[in-house]
Amino acid sequence: MKIRLIAMSMATALMLGACASTKTEEVATAAPPPPPPGAVPGSVAADRDGDGIVDGYYSADGIYHPNLPPAPPPPPPPPTRRGERG
């Protein structure tokens, strides 16, 4: 009786082990980081003046795209018509 019980448990373990080994896990690949602000996707950074700061980007067709300078701050609001209260 013990031999049947051992044989049944071994056969069950073998069958469950075969089912578990057929599943393969997909390897997740990391997505490339997004381009920095002002970059053209799929391009190469360019430092034209050699100061170590990226000045623009070359696209795949070889065209240079300069980084746009940041917009100036908005002007201050105009003074009120009432004047200053004291």
C-alpha atoms as a PDB file:
ATOM      1  CA  MET A   1       0.000   0.000   0.000  1.00  0.00           C
ATOM      2  CA  LYS A   2       2.840   2.389   0.780  1.00  0.00           C
ATOM      3  CA  ILE A   3       4.443   1.775  -2.587  1.00  0.00           C
ATOM      4  CA  ARG A   4       1.242   2.755  -4.416  1.00  0.00           C
ATOM      5  CA  LEU A   5       0.961   5.933  -2.369  1.00  0.00           C
ATOM      6  CA  ILE A   6       4.594   6.871  -3.074  1.00  0.00           C
ATOM      7  CA  ALA A   7       4.215   6.036  -6.772  1.00  0.00           C
ATOM      8  CA  MET A   8       1.026   8.127  -7.034  1.00  0.00           C
ATOM      9  CA  SER A   9       2.633  11.119  -5.304  1.00  0.00           C
ATOM     10  CA  MET A  10       5.730  10.875  -7.526  1.00  0.00           C
ATOM     11  CA  ALA A  11       3.584  10.647 -10.675  1.00  0.00           C
ATOM     12  CA  THR A  12       1.525  13.644  -9.549  1.00  0.00           C
ATOM     13  CA  ALA A  13       4.650  15.664  -8.816  1.00  0.00           C
ATOM     14  CA  LEU A  14       6.094  14.717 -12.201  1.00  0.00           C
ATOM     15  CA  MET A  15       2.937  15.771 -14.050  1.00  0.00           C
ATOM     16  CA  LEU A  16       2.674  19.074 -12.189  1.00  0.00           C
ATOM     17  CA  GLY A  17       6.361  19.733 -12.740  1.00  0.00           C
ATOM     18  CA  ALA A  18       5.964  19.192 -16.485  1.00  0.00           C
ATOM     19  CA  CYS A  19       3.098  21.689 -16.612  1.00  0.00           C
ATOM     20  CA  ALA A  20       5.071  24.272 -14.698  1.00  0.00           C
ATOM     21  CA  SER A  21       8.153  23.990 -16.914  1.00  0.00           C
ATOM     22  CA  THR A  22       6.289  24.635 -20.192  1.00  0.00           C
ATOM     23  CA  LYS A  23       5.464  28.211 -19.227  1.00  0.00           C
ATOM     24  CA  THR A  24       8.184  30.656 -20.177  1.00  0.00           C
ATOM     25  CA  GLU A  25       8.458  34.121 -18.741  1.00  0.00           C
ATOM     26  CA  GLU A  26       8.902  37.012 -21.111  1.00  0.00           C
ATOM     27  CA  VAL A  27      11.926  39.108 -20.401  1.00  0.00           C
ATOM     28  CA  ALA A  28      10.952  42.729 -19.943  1.00  0.00           C
ATOM     29  CA  THR A  29      13.167  45.160 -21.788  1.00  0.00           C
ATOM     30  CA  ALA A  30      13.577  48.690 -20.534  1.00  0.00           C
ATOM     31  CA  ALA A  31      12.214  51.381 -22.798  1.00  0.00           C
ATOM     32  CA  PRO A  32      14.731  54.003 -23.871  1.00  0.00           C
ATOM     33  CA  PRO A  33      14.509  57.225 -21.870  1.00  0.00           C
ATOM     34  CA  PRO A  34      12.541  60.049 -23.445  1.00  0.00           C
ATOM     35  CA  PRO A  35      14.550  62.781 -25.151  1.00  0.00           C
ATOM     36  CA  PRO A  36      15.273  65.868 -23.037  1.00  0.00           C
ATOM     37  CA  PRO A  37      13.183  69.023 -23.531  1.00  0.00           C
ATOM     38  CA  GLY A  38      13.799  70.646 -26.891  1.00  0.00           C
ATOM     39  CA  ALA A  39      15.092  67.432 -28.479  1.00  0.00           C
ATOM     40  CA  VAL A  40      13.767  65.903 -31.658  1.00  0.00           C
ATOM     41  CA  PRO A  41      12.866  62.214 -31.072  1.00  0.00           C
ATOM     42  CA  GLY A  42      15.318  59.851 -32.805  1.00  0.00           C
ATOM     43  CA  SER A  43      18.117  62.424 -32.967  1.00  0.00           C
ATOM     44  CA  VAL A  44      21.716  62.846 -31.784  1.00  0.00           C
ATOM     45  CA  ALA A  45      22.814  65.588 -29.381  1.00  0.00           C
ATOM     46  CA  ALA A  46      25.179  68.250 -30.698  1.00  0.00           C
ATOM     47  CA  ASP A  47      27.554  70.555 -28.821  1.00  0.00           C
ATOM     48  CA  ARG A  48      28.674  72.990 -31.507  1.00  0.00           C
ATOM     49  CA  ASP A  49      30.699  75.427 -29.398  1.00  0.00           C
ATOM     50  CA  GLY A  50      32.383  72.779 -27.209  1.00  0.00           C
ATOM     51  CA  ASP A  51      31.322  74.176 -23.825  1.00  0.00           C
ATOM     52  CA  GLY A  52      29.835  70.857 -22.661  1.00  0.00           C
ATOM     53  CA  ILE A  53      26.220  72.024 -22.948  1.00  0.00           C
ATOM     54  CA  VAL A  54      24.008  70.531 -25.647  1.00  0.00           C
ATOM     55  CA  ASP A  55      23.202  73.287 -28.144  1.00  0.00           C
ATOM     56  CA  GLY A  56      20.894  71.329 -30.423  1.00  0.00           C
ATOM     57  CA  TYR A  57      20.284  67.991 -32.104  1.00  0.00           C
ATOM     58  CA  TYR A  58      20.986  66.376 -35.457  1.00  0.00           C
ATOM     59  CA  SER A  59      18.034  64.416 -36.807  1.00  0.00           C
ATOM     60  CA  ALA A  60      18.413  61.137 -38.701  1.00  0.00           C
ATOM     61  CA  ASP A  61      18.495  62.993 -42.048  1.00  0.00           C
ATOM     62  CA  GLY A  62      21.428  65.202 -40.904  1.00  0.00           C
ATOM     63  CA  ILE A  63      19.536  68.446 -40.282  1.00  0.00           C
ATOM     64  CA  TYR A  64      20.609  70.493 -37.254  1.00  0.00           C
ATOM     65  CA  HIS A  65      17.798  71.562 -34.904  1.00  0.00           C
ATOM     66  CA  PRO A  66      18.899  74.187 -32.355  1.00  0.00           C
ATOM     67  CA  ASN A  67      17.422  74.222 -28.867  1.00  0.00           C
ATOM     68  CA  LEU A  68      15.144  77.183 -28.459  1.00  0.00           C
ATOM     69  CA  PRO A  69      16.076  79.581 -25.651  1.00  0.00           C
ATOM     70  CA  PRO A  70      13.560  79.788 -22.803  1.00  0.00           C
ATOM     71  CA  ALA A  71      10.877  82.416 -23.166  1.00  0.00           C
ATOM     72  CA  PRO A  72      11.445  85.651 -21.236  1.00  0.00           C
ATOM     73  CA  PRO A  73       9.301  86.163 -18.142  1.00  0.00           C
ATOM     74  CA  PRO A  74       6.071  88.095 -18.609  1.00  0.00           C
ATOM     75  CA  PRO A  75       6.148  91.819 -17.878  1.00  0.00           C
ATOM     76  CA  PRO A  76       5.046  92.970 -14.427  1.00  0.00           C
ATOM     77  CA  PRO A  77       1.409  93.949 -14.042  1.00  0.00           C
ATOM     78  CA  PRO A  78       0.610  97.633 -14.576  1.00  0.00           C
ATOM     79  CA  PRO A  79       0.043  99.799 -11.488  1.00  0.00           C
ATOM     80  CA  THR A  80      -3.519 100.141 -10.252  1.00  0.00           C
ATOM     81  CA  ARG A  81      -5.481 103.342 -10.971  1.00  0.00           C
ATOM     82  CA  ARG A  82      -6.294 103.871  -7.311  1.00  0.00           C
ATOM     83  CA  GLY A  83      -2.699 104.319  -6.284  1.00  0.00           C
ATOM     84  CA  GLU A  84      -1.029 103.073  -3.158  1.00  0.00           C
ATOM     85  CA  ARG A  85      -2.993 102.826   0.082  1.00  0.00           C
ATOM     86  CA  GLY A  86      -1.238 103.693   3.259  1.00  0.00           C
END
